Amino acid sequence: MVRWLMVPFVCAICLILVAEGTGQDKKKKATSITGAVTAVDASKDSKDSGTIIVKTPEKKKKDVVTAEAKEHKIEVTKETKIEKAPAKKDEKATPATFADLDKGQNVTVAVDAGKALSILILAKKK
């Protein structure tokens, strides 16, 4: 008798555990995009915000393209932290503004839902 009651109980527990494991309420982490700035559009309302378009390069692995080149349109707000990378590894990054972003610069952008959380303007290679 106890065995017959144990089987439905174990099945119910398994279903509950599987349902908890497939929950969609997990937050996505910010992704990082590294590429060249192809366009900078300042907002009409504020000089500290606007949009930028960053083009990521195509990635190859042994002459096989693993990721195509892609353009990302990113919204920059007043809360976005913008910094210039130091020339030497020992130094710290210096603060920058939206006006410091120019076409052709290499940047690394932390993006969450199309909005930039932070932008690091990379130093030009010699």
N, C-alpha and C. Protein backbone atom coordinates (compact mmCIF):
# COMPACT_ATOMS: atom_id res chain seq x y z
N MET A 1 0.81 -1.20 0.00
CA MET A 1 0.00 0.00 0.00
C MET A 1 0.86 1.27 0.00
N VAL A 2 1.90 1.26 0.81
CA VAL A 2 2.77 2.42 0.91
C VAL A 2 3.49 2.65 -0.42
N ARG A 3 3.87 1.59 -1.11
CA ARG A 3 4.55 1.73 -2.40
C ARG A 3 3.64 2.40 -3.42
N TRP A 4 2.39 2.08 -3.44
CA TRP A 4 1.46 2.68 -4.39
C TRP A 4 1.28 4.17 -4.13
N LEU A 5 1.38 4.59 -2.90
CA LEU A 5 1.27 6.01 -2.58
C LEU A 5 2.59 6.75 -2.84
N MET A 6 3.69 6.01 -2.77
CA MET A 6 5.00 6.62 -2.94
C MET A 6 5.24 7.03 -4.40
N VAL A 7 4.77 6.26 -5.36
CA VAL A 7 5.00 6.54 -6.78
C VAL A 7 4.39 7.88 -7.20
N PRO A 8 3.12 8.18 -6.93
CA PRO A 8 2.59 9.49 -7.34
C PRO A 8 3.27 10.65 -6.59
N PHE A 9 3.65 10.41 -5.34
CA PHE A 9 4.32 11.45 -4.56
C PHE A 9 5.67 11.80 -5.18
N VAL A 10 6.46 10.82 -5.58
CA VAL A 10 7.76 11.04 -6.19
C VAL A 10 7.60 11.73 -7.54
N CYS A 11 6.60 11.32 -8.32
CA CYS A 11 6.35 11.96 -9.61
C CYS A 11 5.98 13.43 -9.43
N ALA A 12 5.17 13.74 -8.45
CA ALA A 12 4.76 15.13 -8.19
C ALA A 12 5.97 15.98 -7.79
N ILE A 13 6.84 15.44 -6.97
CA ILE A 13 8.05 16.17 -6.54
C ILE A 13 8.95 16.43 -7.75
N CYS A 14 9.11 15.44 -8.62
CA CYS A 14 9.95 15.62 -9.82
C CYS A 14 9.39 16.70 -10.73
N LEU A 15 8.09 16.72 -10.91
CA LEU A 15 7.48 17.75 -11.75
C LEU A 15 7.67 19.15 -11.17
N ILE A 16 7.57 19.27 -9.89
CA ILE A 16 7.77 20.57 -9.23
C ILE A 16 9.21 21.05 -9.42
N LEU A 17 10.17 20.14 -9.25
CA LEU A 17 11.58 20.52 -9.41
C LEU A 17 11.91 20.89 -10.85
N VAL A 18 11.35 20.19 -11.81
CA VAL A 18 11.60 20.52 -13.21
C VAL A 18 10.98 21.86 -13.56
N ALA A 19 9.80 22.16 -13.03
CA ALA A 19 9.14 23.44 -13.30
C ALA A 19 9.95 24.60 -12.73
N GLU A 20 10.57 24.42 -11.58
CA GLU A 20 11.38 25.49 -10.99
C GLU A 20 12.66 25.71 -11.79
N GLY A 21 13.22 24.67 -12.34
CA GLY A 21 14.47 24.76 -13.07
C GLY A 21 14.34 25.45 -14.42
N THR A 22 13.15 25.49 -15.00
CA THR A 22 12.97 26.10 -16.32
C THR A 22 12.34 27.48 -16.23
N GLY A 23 12.43 28.14 -15.09
CA GLY A 23 11.84 29.47 -14.92
C GLY A 23 12.47 30.49 -15.84
N GLN A 24 11.70 31.42 -16.36
CA GLN A 24 12.18 32.44 -17.28
C GLN A 24 12.46 33.77 -16.57
N ASP A 25 12.41 33.79 -15.25
CA ASP A 25 12.59 35.04 -14.54
C ASP A 25 14.05 35.34 -14.24
N LYS A 26 14.97 34.68 -14.93
CA LYS A 26 16.39 34.98 -14.76
C LYS A 26 16.73 36.23 -15.55
N LYS A 27 17.54 37.10 -14.97
CA LYS A 27 17.95 38.32 -15.65
C LYS A 27 19.13 38.02 -16.57
N LYS A 28 19.11 38.66 -17.73
CA LYS A 28 20.23 38.53 -18.65
C LYS A 28 21.35 39.44 -18.17
N LYS A 29 22.55 38.95 -18.33
CA LYS A 29 23.70 39.77 -17.97
C LYS A 29 24.04 40.70 -19.13
N ALA A 30 24.71 41.78 -18.81
CA ALA A 30 25.13 42.71 -19.85
C ALA A 30 26.16 42.04 -20.74
N THR A 31 26.05 42.29 -22.03
CA THR A 31 27.00 41.73 -22.98
C THR A 31 28.02 42.79 -23.35
N SER A 32 29.16 42.34 -23.80
CA SER A 32 30.23 43.25 -24.18
C SER A 32 30.41 43.21 -25.69
N ILE A 33 30.47 44.38 -26.31
CA ILE A 33 30.66 44.50 -27.75
C ILE A 33 31.93 45.31 -27.99
N THR A 34 32.83 44.77 -28.80
CA THR A 34 34.06 45.47 -29.15
C THR A 34 34.10 45.66 -30.66
N GLY A 35 34.31 46.89 -31.09
CA GLY A 35 34.36 47.17 -32.51
C GLY A 35 34.67 48.63 -32.77
N ALA A 36 34.49 49.02 -34.03
CA ALA A 36 34.77 50.39 -34.45
C ALA A 36 33.48 51.18 -34.54
N VAL A 37 33.52 52.43 -34.11
CA VAL A 37 32.36 53.32 -34.20
C VAL A 37 32.21 53.76 -35.65
N THR A 38 31.01 53.52 -36.22
CA THR A 38 30.78 53.93 -37.61
C THR A 38 29.92 55.18 -37.70
N ALA A 39 29.15 55.49 -36.64
CA ALA A 39 28.33 56.69 -36.65
C ALA A 39 28.05 57.14 -35.22
N VAL A 40 28.01 58.46 -35.03
CA VAL A 40 27.67 59.06 -33.73
C VAL A 40 26.58 60.07 -33.97
N ASP A 41 25.42 59.88 -33.33
CA ASP A 41 24.30 60.81 -33.46
C ASP A 41 23.95 61.36 -32.09
N ALA A 42 24.20 62.65 -31.89
CA ALA A 42 23.89 63.30 -30.62
C ALA A 42 22.39 63.58 -30.54
N SER A 43 21.87 63.51 -29.34
CA SER A 43 20.47 63.81 -29.10
C SER A 43 20.23 65.31 -29.18
N LYS A 44 19.06 65.71 -29.64
CA LYS A 44 18.73 67.13 -29.74
C LYS A 44 18.48 67.72 -28.36
N ASP A 45 18.03 66.91 -27.41
CA ASP A 45 17.69 67.39 -26.08
C ASP A 45 18.91 67.60 -25.19
N SER A 46 19.91 66.73 -25.33
CA SER A 46 21.05 66.79 -24.43
C SER A 46 22.33 66.49 -25.19
N LYS A 47 23.42 67.13 -24.79
CA LYS A 47 24.70 66.88 -25.44
C LYS A 47 25.40 65.65 -24.86
N ASP A 48 24.87 65.10 -23.75
CA ASP A 48 25.49 63.95 -23.10
C ASP A 48 24.84 62.63 -23.48
N SER A 49 23.93 62.63 -24.43
CA SER A 49 23.27 61.39 -24.81
C SER A 49 23.06 61.35 -26.32
N GLY A 50 22.71 60.17 -26.81
CA GLY A 50 22.48 59.97 -28.23
C GLY A 50 22.60 58.51 -28.58
N THR A 51 22.92 58.22 -29.83
CA THR A 51 23.11 56.85 -30.25
C THR A 51 24.43 56.72 -31.00
N ILE A 52 25.00 55.54 -30.91
CA ILE A 52 26.20 55.23 -31.67
C ILE A 52 25.97 53.90 -32.39
N ILE A 53 26.66 53.72 -33.49
CA ILE A 53 26.61 52.45 -34.21
C ILE A 53 28.02 51.88 -34.19
N VAL A 54 28.12 50.66 -33.65
CA VAL A 54 29.41 49.98 -33.52
C VAL A 54 29.41 48.77 -34.44
N LYS A 55 30.43 48.68 -35.29
CA LYS A 55 30.55 47.54 -36.21
C LYS A 55 31.58 46.58 -35.66
N THR A 56 31.13 45.35 -35.39
CA THR A 56 32.04 44.32 -34.91
C THR A 56 32.67 43.62 -36.10
N PRO A 57 33.94 43.25 -36.00
CA PRO A 57 34.60 42.58 -37.14
C PRO A 57 34.14 41.13 -37.27
N GLU A 58 34.34 40.58 -38.45
CA GLU A 58 34.01 39.18 -38.68
C GLU A 58 35.08 38.32 -38.02
N LYS A 59 34.66 37.23 -37.40
CA LYS A 59 35.59 36.35 -36.69
C LYS A 59 35.85 35.11 -37.52
N LYS A 60 37.13 34.75 -37.64
CA LYS A 60 37.51 33.56 -38.40
C LYS A 60 38.27 32.60 -37.49
N LYS A 61 38.10 31.33 -37.78
CA LYS A 61 38.85 30.31 -37.07
C LYS A 61 39.31 29.30 -38.11
N LYS A 62 40.58 29.29 -38.39
CA LYS A 62 41.17 28.41 -39.41
C LYS A 62 40.49 28.59 -40.76
N ASP A 63 40.45 29.82 -41.24
CA ASP A 63 39.86 30.18 -42.54
C ASP A 63 38.37 29.88 -42.66
N VAL A 64 37.69 29.66 -41.55
CA VAL A 64 36.24 29.45 -41.55
C VAL A 64 35.61 30.58 -40.75
N VAL A 65 34.64 31.26 -41.35
CA VAL A 65 33.98 32.38 -40.68
C VAL A 65 33.06 31.83 -39.60
N THR A 66 33.33 32.19 -38.34
CA THR A 66 32.49 31.74 -37.23
C THR A 66 31.44 32.78 -36.86
N ALA A 67 31.70 34.04 -37.13
CA ALA A 67 30.74 35.11 -36.84
C ALA A 67 30.88 36.20 -37.90
N GLU A 68 29.77 36.59 -38.48
CA GLU A 68 29.77 37.63 -39.51
C GLU A 68 29.95 39.01 -38.88
N ALA A 69 30.45 39.96 -39.66
CA ALA A 69 30.54 41.35 -39.21
C ALA A 69 29.12 41.88 -39.04
N LYS A 70 28.89 42.63 -37.98
CA LYS A 70 27.53 43.08 -37.67
C LYS A 70 27.59 44.48 -37.09
N GLU A 71 26.56 45.29 -37.39
CA GLU A 71 26.47 46.63 -36.82
C GLU A 71 25.45 46.61 -35.68
N HIS A 72 25.81 47.26 -34.58
CA HIS A 72 24.95 47.33 -33.40
C HIS A 72 24.60 48.79 -33.13
N LYS A 73 23.31 49.10 -33.06
CA LYS A 73 22.86 50.45 -32.72
C LYS A 73 22.65 50.48 -31.21
N ILE A 74 23.38 51.37 -30.55
CA ILE A 74 23.39 51.42 -29.09
C ILE A 74 23.00 52.81 -28.62
N GLU A 75 22.08 52.85 -27.65
CA GLU A 75 21.63 54.11 -27.08
C GLU A 75 22.52 54.48 -25.90
N VAL A 76 23.02 55.72 -25.92
CA VAL A 76 23.88 56.23 -24.85
C VAL A 76 23.07 57.24 -24.05
N THR A 77 23.00 57.04 -22.73
CA THR A 77 22.23 57.94 -21.86
C THR A 77 23.18 58.74 -20.97
N LYS A 78 22.61 59.61 -20.16
CA LYS A 78 23.42 60.41 -19.23
C LYS A 78 24.08 59.53 -18.18
N GLU A 79 23.46 58.37 -17.87
CA GLU A 79 23.99 57.48 -16.84
C GLU A 79 25.12 56.60 -17.35
N THR A 80 25.36 56.59 -18.66
CA THR A 80 26.42 55.76 -19.24
C THR A 80 27.79 56.29 -18.81
N LYS A 81 28.62 55.36 -18.32
CA LYS A 81 29.96 55.72 -17.87
C LYS A 81 30.90 55.62 -19.08
N ILE A 82 31.50 56.74 -19.46
CA ILE A 82 32.39 56.78 -20.62
C ILE A 82 33.80 57.08 -20.13
N GLU A 83 34.77 56.23 -20.56
CA GLU A 83 36.15 56.40 -20.15
C GLU A 83 37.08 56.18 -21.33
N LYS A 84 38.28 56.79 -21.24
CA LYS A 84 39.34 56.56 -22.22
C LYS A 84 40.32 55.58 -21.61
N ALA A 85 40.71 54.57 -22.38
CA ALA A 85 41.67 53.58 -21.91
C ALA A 85 43.04 54.23 -21.77
N PRO A 86 43.81 53.80 -20.78
CA PRO A 86 45.15 54.37 -20.61
C PRO A 86 46.10 53.87 -21.69
N ALA A 87 47.15 54.64 -21.94
CA ALA A 87 48.16 54.26 -22.93
C ALA A 87 49.03 53.13 -22.39
N LYS A 88 49.27 53.14 -21.07
CA LYS A 88 50.09 52.10 -20.44
C LYS A 88 49.22 51.30 -19.47
N LYS A 89 49.60 50.07 -19.25
CA LYS A 89 48.81 49.18 -18.39
C LYS A 89 48.78 49.62 -16.94
N ASP A 90 49.79 50.30 -16.47
CA ASP A 90 49.88 50.70 -15.07
C ASP A 90 48.97 51.88 -14.73
N GLU A 91 48.55 52.63 -15.72
CA GLU A 91 47.75 53.82 -15.47
C GLU A 91 46.26 53.46 -15.38
N LYS A 92 45.48 54.39 -14.87
CA LYS A 92 44.03 54.21 -14.77
C LYS A 92 43.33 54.88 -15.95
N ALA A 93 42.12 54.41 -16.22
CA ALA A 93 41.31 55.01 -17.28
C ALA A 93 40.89 56.42 -16.86
N THR A 94 40.83 57.33 -17.83
CA THR A 94 40.43 58.71 -17.54
C THR A 94 38.98 58.92 -17.98
N PRO A 95 38.23 59.74 -17.26
CA PRO A 95 36.84 60.00 -17.63
C PRO A 95 36.75 60.72 -18.98
N ALA A 96 35.68 60.46 -19.71
CA ALA A 96 35.45 61.10 -21.00
C ALA A 96 33.97 61.49 -21.10
N THR A 97 33.62 62.16 -22.17
CA THR A 97 32.24 62.57 -22.39
C THR A 97 31.75 62.03 -23.73
N PHE A 98 30.46 62.20 -23.99
CA PHE A 98 29.87 61.76 -25.25
C PHE A 98 30.52 62.48 -26.43
N ALA A 99 30.96 63.72 -26.23
CA ALA A 99 31.59 64.50 -27.30
C ALA A 99 32.93 63.90 -27.72
N ASP A 100 33.55 63.08 -26.86
CA ASP A 100 34.84 62.46 -27.18
C ASP A 100 34.70 61.28 -28.13
N LEU A 101 33.48 60.78 -28.33
CA LEU A 101 33.26 59.66 -29.25
C LEU A 101 33.28 60.17 -30.68
N ASP A 102 34.11 59.56 -31.52
CA ASP A 102 34.24 59.95 -32.92
C ASP A 102 34.16 58.71 -33.81
N LYS A 103 33.84 58.96 -35.05
CA LYS A 103 33.79 57.90 -36.05
C LYS A 103 35.18 57.32 -36.25
N GLY A 104 35.29 56.00 -36.31
CA GLY A 104 36.56 55.34 -36.53
C GLY A 104 37.27 54.88 -35.27
N GLN A 105 36.82 55.29 -34.10
CA GLN A 105 37.46 54.88 -32.86
C GLN A 105 37.06 53.44 -32.51
N ASN A 106 37.98 52.73 -31.89
CA ASN A 106 37.68 51.39 -31.38
C ASN A 106 37.19 51.53 -29.95
N VAL A 107 36.07 50.85 -29.66
CA VAL A 107 35.45 50.95 -28.34
C VAL A 107 35.03 49.57 -27.86
N THR A 108 34.91 49.44 -26.55
CA THR A 108 34.29 48.28 -25.92
C THR A 108 33.10 48.81 -25.14
N VAL A 109 31.91 48.26 -25.45
CA VAL A 109 30.67 48.76 -24.86
C VAL A 109 29.99 47.63 -24.09
N ALA A 110 29.63 47.89 -22.83
CA ALA A 110 28.81 46.96 -22.05
C ALA A 110 27.36 47.35 -22.31
N VAL A 111 26.60 46.42 -22.92
CA VAL A 111 25.24 46.71 -23.37
C VAL A 111 24.24 45.83 -22.63
N ASP A 112 23.12 46.43 -22.23
CA ASP A 112 22.02 45.69 -21.64
C ASP A 112 20.73 46.22 -22.25
N ALA A 113 20.03 45.40 -23.00
CA ALA A 113 18.76 45.73 -23.65
C ALA A 113 18.88 46.95 -24.57
N GLY A 114 19.96 47.03 -25.33
CA GLY A 114 20.13 48.09 -26.31
C GLY A 114 20.66 49.41 -25.75
N LYS A 115 20.85 49.47 -24.44
CA LYS A 115 21.38 50.69 -23.81
C LYS A 115 22.78 50.42 -23.29
N ALA A 116 23.65 51.40 -23.47
CA ALA A 116 25.04 51.26 -23.03
C ALA A 116 25.14 51.51 -21.53
N LEU A 117 25.77 50.59 -20.82
CA LEU A 117 26.03 50.78 -19.40
C LEU A 117 27.37 51.49 -19.21
N SER A 118 28.36 51.09 -20.00
CA SER A 118 29.68 51.74 -19.94
C SER A 118 30.34 51.64 -21.31
N ILE A 119 31.16 52.63 -21.63
CA ILE A 119 31.90 52.67 -22.89
C ILE A 119 33.36 52.94 -22.56
N LEU A 120 34.25 52.10 -23.10
CA LEU A 120 35.68 52.30 -22.95
C LEU A 120 36.26 52.59 -24.32
N ILE A 121 36.79 53.80 -24.48
CA ILE A 121 37.42 54.21 -25.75
C ILE A 121 38.84 53.66 -25.72
N LEU A 122 39.15 52.75 -26.65
CA LEU A 122 40.45 52.10 -26.67
C LEU A 122 41.50 53.00 -27.30
N ALA A 123 42.73 52.85 -26.84
CA ALA A 123 43.84 53.63 -27.37
C ALA A 123 44.20 53.13 -28.76
N LYS A 124 44.63 54.04 -29.61
CA LYS A 124 45.01 53.67 -30.97
C LYS A 124 46.32 52.91 -30.95
N LYS A 125 46.39 51.87 -31.80
CA LYS A 125 47.62 51.10 -31.90
C LYS A 125 48.60 51.83 -32.79
N LYS A 126 49.88 51.70 -32.46
CA LYS A 126 50.92 52.38 -33.24
C LYS A 126 51.39 51.50 -34.36
